[in-house]
């Protein structure tokens, strides 16, 4: 059995030329190329996706919405200070903080922080026609982040209103450019619904309302989960061994009807994106924890490699459903730090729609685990030599769960 913690990250790298990184989205979302892997490799357009998914199957997607999490302030000296809101602290509930009035505290990354040594920063802004004085102060320095308190002088303006008025969409750092008007709507999926992410679930950026309608017309059921994507999704693996890498934590929500559909369509489930995979696979392990009478309704980084593996999906998800019934709740709320890498045994997902990821990343490890063996190398070699566009605004792939043996080269 593979020792996942002993995996060397240097075995999961490849050369990604700068000109392969898509800096901007295509004019039409669904015009992206689509690589299909099912032991062999074929090439399509994303417009074909509805005909490539099997009828009477289930498609699950992440309906989180990216917030305009970057705000700019200027010191009297002229120095620009950027505040990147990562995670709510007070109130800590992701929904409540956007409704907060007069003050809110976030864990933030502060850009150009050396220029901001003391005191508060402020700016006067207009929100929905109302003049508002907004100030920020540092409450606590942490290892890579700072706790920033926002205060403003209007009971009629929420924190969500402030972000909408002056915030910028936090596009990925590897695009090496500032966000532009096009990013405001193109760095969101058409089905985004629940505010809370600081990075988009980019596999979903290719979908249009028309494609979703065709998918449903083809008797493919669709359902949402919500996982709020954190900046940790871009966190590179800097340690030599995977066992030394600390995985980021992300919060997710799944309702009872979606749990019912997972049970109904067992062994015929397509996940849109790695964030949806993390959510779906975490559901299984939450069920296992409940079956094992563990009082932890969250998933740690290595739980999937240490917990019992013998429970089937019906047992695990059924136990989760019973938990919700007992608690008189319709929505499961939890968080996960699951690390999916070679050696992981998938319990829920059968097919994966995903973009092409950075070298030396946990997302590439997930793709490798899903496709098995060295198939990820075949897939990425094909994409690099056939003009596929990479990363968030890049092209897409539909991957079937792999087998240990490989067939022809492509």
Protein backbone atom coordinates (compact mmCIF):
# COMPACT_ATOMS: atom_id res chain seq x y z
CA UNK A 1 0.00 0.00 0.00
CA UNK A 2 1.32 3.44 -0.95
CA UNK A 3 2.62 5.64 1.87
CA UNK A 4 1.03 8.94 0.88
CA UNK A 5 2.96 10.98 3.43
CA UNK A 6 6.25 9.80 1.87
CA UNK A 7 5.35 11.15 -1.59
CA UNK A 8 8.00 13.52 -2.95
CA UNK A 9 6.55 16.68 -4.46
CA UNK A 10 9.38 16.76 -7.01
CA UNK A 11 7.71 13.75 -8.65
CA UNK A 12 4.64 15.89 -9.36
CA UNK A 13 6.08 18.74 -11.30
CA UNK A 14 6.27 19.69 -14.96
CA UNK A 15 7.52 22.66 -16.95
CA UNK A 16 4.74 25.21 -17.47
CA UNK A 17 5.81 27.91 -19.95
CA UNK A 18 4.42 31.36 -19.26
CA UNK A 19 2.72 31.46 -22.66
CA UNK A 20 0.59 28.44 -21.72
CA UNK A 21 -1.05 30.33 -18.83
CA UNK A 22 -4.37 31.91 -19.85
CA UNK A 23 -4.17 35.51 -18.63
CA UNK A 24 -7.72 36.36 -19.73
CA UNK A 25 -10.90 34.37 -20.31
CA UNK A 26 -12.09 33.53 -23.81
CA UNK A 27 -14.82 35.73 -25.25
CA UNK A 28 -17.35 32.92 -24.80
CA UNK A 29 -17.14 30.71 -21.70
CA UNK A 30 -17.98 27.44 -23.42
CA UNK A 31 -15.55 27.82 -26.33
CA UNK A 32 -12.73 26.40 -24.24
CA UNK A 33 -11.14 23.14 -25.30
CA UNK A 34 -12.04 19.95 -23.46
CA UNK A 35 -9.68 17.01 -22.94
CA UNK A 36 -11.49 13.75 -22.14
CA UNK A 37 -9.54 11.02 -20.36
CA UNK A 38 -10.97 7.51 -20.04
CA UNK A 39 -7.71 5.55 -20.25
CA UNK A 40 -7.34 7.03 -23.75
CA UNK A 41 -7.30 10.75 -24.49
CA UNK A 42 -9.69 12.55 -26.82
CA UNK A 43 -10.19 16.22 -27.62
CA UNK A 44 -13.46 18.15 -27.80
CA UNK A 45 -14.94 21.58 -27.21
CA UNK A 46 -16.59 22.31 -23.87
CA UNK A 47 -19.75 22.92 -25.87
CA UNK A 48 -19.89 19.12 -26.23
CA UNK A 49 -20.02 18.43 -22.50
CA UNK A 50 -23.76 17.69 -22.33
CA UNK A 51 -23.39 14.86 -24.86
CA UNK A 52 -20.28 13.45 -23.16
CA UNK A 53 -21.85 12.95 -19.73
CA UNK A 54 -23.93 9.78 -19.35
CA UNK A 55 -27.73 10.20 -19.14
CA UNK A 56 -29.39 9.43 -15.82
CA UNK A 57 -26.30 10.50 -13.88
CA UNK A 58 -25.63 13.26 -11.35
CA UNK A 59 -23.60 16.43 -11.86
CA UNK A 60 -22.59 18.27 -8.68
CA UNK A 61 -21.11 21.78 -8.66
CA UNK A 62 -19.89 24.35 -6.14
CA UNK A 63 -22.18 27.40 -6.08
CA UNK A 64 -19.96 29.61 -3.93
CA UNK A 65 -19.53 33.23 -5.00
CA UNK A 66 -16.22 35.11 -5.04
CA UNK A 67 -16.24 38.25 -2.92
CA UNK A 68 -14.49 41.48 -3.89
CA UNK A 69 -11.96 40.81 -1.19
CA UNK A 70 -9.16 43.25 -2.07
CA UNK A 71 -9.41 46.82 -0.75
CA UNK A 72 -6.93 49.66 -1.22
CA UNK A 73 -6.02 52.36 1.28
CA UNK A 74 -3.52 55.19 0.98
CA UNK A 75 -1.37 56.68 3.72
CA UNK A 76 -0.85 60.42 3.94
CA UNK A 77 2.67 59.78 2.65
CA UNK A 78 1.15 58.38 -0.52
CA UNK A 79 2.05 54.76 0.16
CA UNK A 80 -0.58 52.29 -1.04
CA UNK A 81 -1.69 49.57 1.40
CA UNK A 82 -3.73 46.63 0.09
CA UNK A 83 -5.99 44.63 2.39
CA UNK A 84 -6.90 41.12 1.22
CA UNK A 85 -9.77 39.69 3.31
CA UNK A 86 -9.25 35.96 3.80
CA UNK A 87 -11.49 34.72 6.59
CA UNK A 88 -14.15 36.30 8.84
CA UNK A 89 -13.34 36.54 12.54
CA UNK A 90 -16.01 38.73 14.17
CA UNK A 91 -18.65 37.75 13.39
CA UNK A 92 -17.13 34.44 12.31
CA UNK A 93 -20.20 33.24 10.42
CA UNK A 94 -19.64 33.79 6.69
CA UNK A 95 -23.23 34.87 6.05
CA UNK A 96 -23.51 37.13 9.08
CA UNK A 97 -20.35 39.11 8.42
CA UNK A 98 -21.67 40.44 5.12
CA UNK A 99 -24.70 41.76 7.04
CA UNK A 100 -22.55 43.29 9.81
CA UNK A 101 -23.10 46.99 10.50
CA UNK A 102 -20.54 49.56 11.71
CA UNK A 103 -17.69 47.11 12.39
CA UNK A 104 -16.28 43.73 11.34
CA UNK A 105 -13.00 41.89 11.84
CA UNK A 106 -11.23 39.74 9.24
CA UNK A 107 -8.06 37.73 8.99
CA UNK A 108 -6.21 39.50 6.18
CA UNK A 109 -3.05 39.61 4.14
CA UNK A 110 -1.66 43.15 4.17
CA UNK A 111 0.22 44.21 1.08
CA UNK A 112 3.07 46.71 1.54
CA UNK A 113 2.68 46.27 5.32
CA UNK A 114 6.17 47.62 6.01
CA UNK A 115 4.86 51.06 5.05
CA UNK A 116 2.06 50.80 7.63
CA UNK A 117 3.86 50.80 10.97
CA UNK A 118 1.26 52.29 13.30
CA UNK A 119 -2.11 53.96 13.61
CA UNK A 120 -5.23 53.46 11.56
CA UNK A 121 -5.96 54.08 7.91
CA UNK A 122 -9.13 55.59 6.52
CA UNK A 123 -10.90 56.70 3.39
CA UNK A 124 -14.19 58.40 2.57
CA UNK A 125 -16.33 56.51 0.11
CA UNK A 126 -19.82 56.55 -1.36
CA UNK A 127 -22.02 53.49 -0.91
CA UNK A 128 -25.39 53.53 -2.65
CA UNK A 129 -25.31 57.33 -2.64
CA UNK A 130 -24.39 57.57 1.05
CA UNK A 131 -21.06 59.07 2.13
CA UNK A 132 -19.29 56.71 4.52
CA UNK A 133 -16.10 57.14 6.53
CA UNK A 134 -14.28 53.80 6.65
CA UNK A 135 -11.26 53.15 8.86
CA UNK A 136 -9.12 50.10 9.52
CA UNK A 137 -6.85 49.16 12.40
CA UNK A 138 -4.58 46.21 13.12
CA UNK A 139 -5.73 44.11 16.05
CA UNK A 140 -3.14 41.33 15.98
CA UNK A 141 -0.14 40.19 13.96
CA UNK A 142 -0.09 36.50 13.05
CA UNK A 143 2.44 34.39 11.14
CA UNK A 144 1.48 35.34 7.58
CA UNK A 145 -1.67 37.34 8.25
CA UNK A 146 -3.08 40.10 10.44
CA UNK A 147 -6.41 40.64 12.16
CA UNK A 148 -7.90 43.82 10.72
CA UNK A 149 -10.90 45.59 12.22
CA UNK A 150 -13.08 47.60 9.84
CA UNK A 151 -15.18 50.44 11.29
CA UNK A 152 -17.61 52.70 9.43
CA UNK A 153 -20.11 55.35 10.46
CA UNK A 154 -23.36 54.20 8.89
CA UNK A 155 -25.95 51.82 10.33
CA UNK A 156 -27.55 51.59 6.90
CA UNK A 157 -24.45 50.18 5.19
CA UNK A 158 -23.40 46.54 5.62
CA UNK A 159 -19.91 45.12 5.21
CA UNK A 160 -21.13 43.42 2.06
CA UNK A 161 -22.15 46.83 0.72
CA UNK A 162 -18.63 48.14 1.41
CA UNK A 163 -17.01 45.30 -0.54
CA UNK A 164 -19.39 45.76 -3.43
CA UNK A 165 -18.61 49.49 -3.50
CA UNK A 166 -14.81 49.54 -3.26
CA UNK A 167 -13.53 45.96 -3.31
CA UNK A 168 -11.74 44.29 -6.20
CA UNK A 169 -12.06 40.68 -7.34
CA UNK A 170 -8.99 38.74 -6.09
CA UNK A 171 -7.79 37.10 -9.30
CA UNK A 172 -5.00 34.52 -8.90
CA UNK A 173 -1.47 35.83 -8.28
CA UNK A 174 -0.03 33.83 -11.18
CA UNK A 175 -1.94 36.00 -13.69
CA UNK A 176 0.58 38.74 -12.85
CA UNK A 177 -1.88 41.56 -13.50
CA UNK A 178 -4.40 43.67 -11.62
CA UNK A 179 -8.07 42.77 -11.74
CA UNK A 180 -10.06 44.43 -14.50
CA UNK A 181 -13.73 45.02 -15.20
CA UNK A 182 -14.03 41.74 -17.09
CA UNK A 183 -12.96 39.78 -13.99
CA UNK A 184 -15.93 41.07 -11.99
CA UNK A 185 -18.30 38.75 -13.84
CA UNK A 186 -16.02 36.29 -15.65
CA UNK A 187 -14.23 35.17 -12.47
CA UNK A 188 -17.64 33.96 -11.25
CA UNK A 189 -19.61 30.92 -12.33
CA UNK A 190 -23.04 31.57 -13.84
CA UNK A 191 -24.55 29.64 -10.93
CA UNK A 192 -22.63 31.39 -8.13
CA UNK A 193 -25.01 32.09 -5.29
CA UNK A 194 -23.47 32.16 -1.80
CA UNK A 195 -20.82 34.80 -1.03
CA UNK A 196 -17.70 33.60 0.74
CA UNK A 197 -14.83 32.61 -1.57
CA UNK A 198 -11.62 34.49 -2.26
CA UNK A 199 -10.88 32.28 -5.28
CA UNK A 200 -13.25 30.92 -7.91
CA UNK A 201 -14.10 27.23 -8.33
CA UNK A 202 -12.65 27.60 -11.80
CA UNK A 203 -13.81 24.31 -13.32
CA UNK A 204 -17.28 25.85 -13.38
CA UNK A 205 -16.26 28.95 -15.33
CA UNK A 206 -16.88 27.11 -18.64
CA UNK A 207 -20.58 26.49 -18.00
CA UNK A 208 -23.29 28.70 -19.49
CA UNK A 209 -27.01 28.77 -18.78
CA UNK A 210 -27.57 27.19 -22.20
CA UNK A 211 -25.20 24.29 -21.47
CA UNK A 212 -26.82 23.67 -18.10
CA UNK A 213 -30.25 23.62 -19.75
CA UNK A 214 -29.01 21.08 -22.31
CA UNK A 215 -27.49 18.93 -19.57
CA UNK A 216 -30.82 18.78 -17.77
CA UNK A 217 -32.63 18.12 -21.06
CA UNK A 218 -30.35 15.09 -21.50
CA UNK A 219 -31.70 13.65 -18.23
CA UNK A 220 -28.60 14.53 -16.21
CA UNK A 221 -29.58 15.68 -12.75
CA UNK A 222 -27.72 18.66 -11.25
CA UNK A 223 -27.33 19.76 -7.64
CA UNK A 224 -25.20 22.26 -5.71
CA UNK A 225 -22.84 22.05 -2.79
CA UNK A 226 -21.20 25.10 -1.26
CA UNK A 227 -17.52 25.19 -0.34
CA UNK A 228 -16.00 28.61 0.25
CA UNK A 229 -12.62 28.54 -1.48
CA UNK A 230 -9.77 30.05 0.49
CA UNK A 231 -6.48 31.56 -0.65
CA UNK A 232 -4.85 28.34 0.54
CA UNK A 233 -5.92 26.75 -2.73
CA UNK A 234 -2.92 28.56 -4.26
CA UNK A 235 -0.56 27.57 -1.46
CA UNK A 236 2.42 25.80 -3.02
CA UNK A 237 3.85 22.64 -1.53
CA UNK A 238 7.23 23.83 -0.26
CA UNK A 239 8.17 20.76 1.74
CA UNK A 240 10.05 17.91 0.08
CA UNK A 241 7.57 15.31 1.38
CA UNK A 242 3.78 15.63 1.29
CA UNK A 243 3.61 14.50 4.90
CA UNK A 244 5.26 17.77 5.93
CA UNK A 245 2.75 19.98 4.09
CA UNK A 246 -0.02 21.62 6.12
CA UNK A 247 -3.31 21.58 4.21
CA UNK A 248 -5.65 24.59 4.27
CA UNK A 249 -9.10 24.44 5.88
CA UNK A 250 -12.28 25.28 3.93
CA UNK A 251 -15.90 25.53 5.10
CA UNK A 252 -18.71 23.78 3.25
CA UNK A 253 -22.49 23.32 3.31
CA UNK A 254 -24.60 20.49 1.85
CA UNK A 255 -28.38 20.17 2.14
CA UNK A 256 -30.49 17.06 2.67
CA UNK A 257 -31.86 16.86 -0.91
CA UNK A 258 -28.28 16.71 -2.23
CA UNK A 259 -27.43 13.90 0.17
CA UNK A 260 -30.48 12.02 -1.15
CA UNK A 261 -29.27 12.47 -4.73
CA UNK A 262 -25.78 11.21 -3.86
CA UNK A 263 -27.33 8.03 -2.56
CA UNK A 264 -29.64 7.70 -5.56
CA UNK A 265 -26.87 8.15 -8.15
CA UNK A 266 -24.14 6.22 -6.37
CA UNK A 267 -21.37 5.16 -8.80
CA UNK A 268 -22.56 7.66 -11.44
CA UNK A 269 -21.48 11.02 -10.04
CA UNK A 270 -19.59 13.79 -11.87
CA UNK A 271 -17.90 16.49 -9.82
CA UNK A 272 -17.39 19.96 -11.27
CA UNK A 273 -14.03 20.93 -9.84
CA UNK A 274 -11.64 19.87 -7.12
CA UNK A 275 -13.47 21.94 -4.48
CA UNK A 276 -16.58 19.87 -5.11
CA UNK A 277 -14.48 16.69 -4.89
CA UNK A 278 -13.11 17.80 -1.51
CA UNK A 279 -16.66 18.41 -0.31
CA UNK A 280 -18.12 15.13 -1.59
CA UNK A 281 -15.30 12.93 -0.35
CA UNK A 282 -15.37 14.71 3.02
CA UNK A 283 -19.06 13.79 3.36
CA UNK A 284 -18.14 10.11 3.33
CA UNK A 285 -15.53 10.55 6.07
CA UNK A 286 -17.91 12.61 8.21
CA UNK A 287 -20.35 9.70 8.00
CA UNK A 288 -17.59 7.28 8.99
CA UNK A 289 -16.71 9.43 12.01
CA UNK A 290 -20.33 9.35 13.13
CA UNK A 291 -20.49 5.58 12.58
CA UNK A 292 -17.35 5.27 14.71
CA UNK A 293 -18.92 7.45 17.42
CA UNK A 294 -16.29 10.16 17.06
CA UNK A 295 -17.47 13.58 18.24
CA UNK A 296 -15.75 15.49 15.44
CA UNK A 297 -17.94 16.82 12.68
CA UNK A 298 -15.05 17.94 10.49
CA UNK A 299 -12.37 16.25 8.40
CA UNK A 300 -8.69 16.56 9.23
CA UNK A 301 -5.88 16.38 6.71
CA UNK A 302 -5.05 12.71 7.24
CA UNK A 303 -8.39 11.30 8.45
CA UNK A 304 -9.03 9.50 5.15
CA UNK A 305 -5.83 7.49 5.55
CA UNK A 306 -6.42 6.42 9.16
CA UNK A 307 -10.17 5.89 9.54
CA UNK A 308 -11.85 2.52 8.77
CA UNK A 309 -12.39 1.99 5.03
CA UNK A 310 -14.98 -0.79 5.09
CA UNK A 311 -18.18 1.26 5.28
CA UNK A 312 -20.02 1.68 1.98
CA UNK A 313 -21.40 4.98 0.70
CA UNK A 314 -24.98 4.13 1.67
CA UNK A 315 -23.91 3.54 5.26
CA UNK A 316 -21.80 6.70 5.53
CA UNK A 317 -24.21 9.14 3.88
CA UNK A 318 -27.16 7.43 5.56
CA UNK A 319 -25.56 8.10 8.94
CA UNK A 320 -25.05 11.76 8.00
CA UNK A 321 -28.71 12.04 7.07
CA UNK A 322 -29.73 10.53 10.39
CA UNK A 323 -27.52 13.06 12.18
CA UNK A 324 -29.32 15.93 10.44
CA UNK A 325 -32.71 14.41 11.26
CA UNK A 326 -31.74 14.02 14.91
CA UNK A 327 -30.48 17.61 15.01
CA UNK A 328 -33.62 18.85 13.20
CA UNK A 329 -31.49 20.46 10.51
CA UNK A 330 -31.78 20.44 6.74
CA UNK A 331 -28.27 21.68 5.95
CA UNK A 332 -24.99 20.11 7.01
CA UNK A 333 -22.31 22.67 7.89
CA UNK A 334 -18.73 21.53 8.37
CA UNK A 335 -15.14 22.18 7.36
CA UNK A 336 -12.44 20.08 5.78
CA UNK A 337 -8.69 19.98 5.51
CA UNK A 338 -8.68 16.73 3.53
CA UNK A 339 -5.59 16.11 1.44
CA UNK A 340 -6.30 13.89 -1.57
CA UNK A 341 -3.12 12.47 -3.04
CA UNK A 342 -1.94 9.20 -4.61
CA UNK A 343 -2.90 6.39 -2.28
CA UNK A 344 -6.34 7.89 -1.62
CA UNK A 345 -9.32 5.60 -2.27
CA UNK A 346 -12.19 7.62 -3.78
CA UNK A 347 -15.56 6.91 -2.20
CA UNK A 348 -18.01 9.22 -4.01
CA UNK A 349 -16.76 10.76 -7.27
CA UNK A 350 -16.62 8.81 -10.55
CA UNK A 351 -15.88 11.60 -13.03
CA UNK A 352 -14.15 14.95 -12.60
CA UNK A 353 -14.40 18.14 -14.65
CA UNK A 354 -11.36 20.28 -13.91
CA UNK A 355 -8.88 22.76 -15.38
CA UNK A 356 -5.12 22.20 -15.71
CA UNK A 357 -3.32 22.95 -12.46
CA UNK A 358 0.01 24.33 -11.32
CA UNK A 359 3.04 22.06 -10.92
CA UNK A 360 3.94 21.11 -7.34
CA UNK A 361 0.38 21.73 -6.16
CA UNK A 362 -2.06 19.74 -4.04
CA UNK A 363 -4.55 20.06 -6.91
CA UNK A 364 -2.18 18.20 -9.21
CA UNK A 365 -1.81 15.54 -6.52
CA UNK A 366 -5.59 15.16 -6.49
CA UNK A 367 -5.68 14.73 -10.28
CA UNK A 368 -2.91 12.13 -10.05
CA UNK A 369 -4.80 10.24 -7.33
CA UNK A 370 -7.97 10.31 -9.42
CA UNK A 371 -6.47 9.19 -12.72
CA UNK A 372 -4.05 6.69 -11.09
CA UNK A 373 -0.40 5.90 -11.76
CA UNK A 374 1.38 8.14 -14.23
CA UNK A 375 -1.76 8.96 -16.22
CA UNK A 376 -1.57 12.58 -15.08
CA UNK A 377 1.72 12.86 -16.98
CA UNK A 378 0.08 11.56 -20.18
CA UNK A 379 -2.78 14.03 -19.75
CA UNK A 380 -0.57 17.05 -19.10
CA UNK A 381 1.90 16.10 -21.82
CA UNK A 382 -0.97 15.96 -24.30
CA UNK A 383 -2.37 19.32 -23.10
CA UNK A 384 1.03 21.02 -23.34
CA UNK A 385 1.69 19.72 -26.87
CA UNK A 386 -1.83 20.37 -28.21
CA UNK A 387 -2.24 24.05 -27.39
CA UNK A 388 -4.41 23.77 -24.29
CA UNK A 389 -4.58 26.85 -22.06
CA UNK A 390 -3.67 26.34 -18.38
CA UNK A 391 -4.84 27.43 -14.92
CA UNK A 392 -7.89 29.43 -13.83
CA UNK A 393 -8.91 30.99 -17.14
CA UNK A 394 -7.61 28.04 -19.13
CA UNK A 395 -9.19 25.04 -20.83
CA UNK A 396 -10.98 22.11 -19.25
CA UNK A 397 -10.84 18.35 -18.90
CA UNK A 398 -13.30 15.56 -18.17
CA UNK A 399 -11.48 12.82 -16.29
CA UNK A 400 -12.77 9.34 -15.55
CA UNK A 401 -11.47 7.60 -12.49
CA UNK A 402 -8.35 5.78 -13.61
CA UNK A 403 -7.13 2.23 -13.40
CA UNK A 404 -3.68 1.22 -12.24
CA UNK A 405 -2.67 -0.04 -15.69
CA UNK A 406 -2.41 2.27 -18.70
CA UNK A 407 -3.16 1.53 -22.32
CA UNK A 408 -1.93 3.40 -25.38
CA UNK A 409 0.06 6.59 -24.99
CA UNK A 410 -2.90 8.82 -25.81
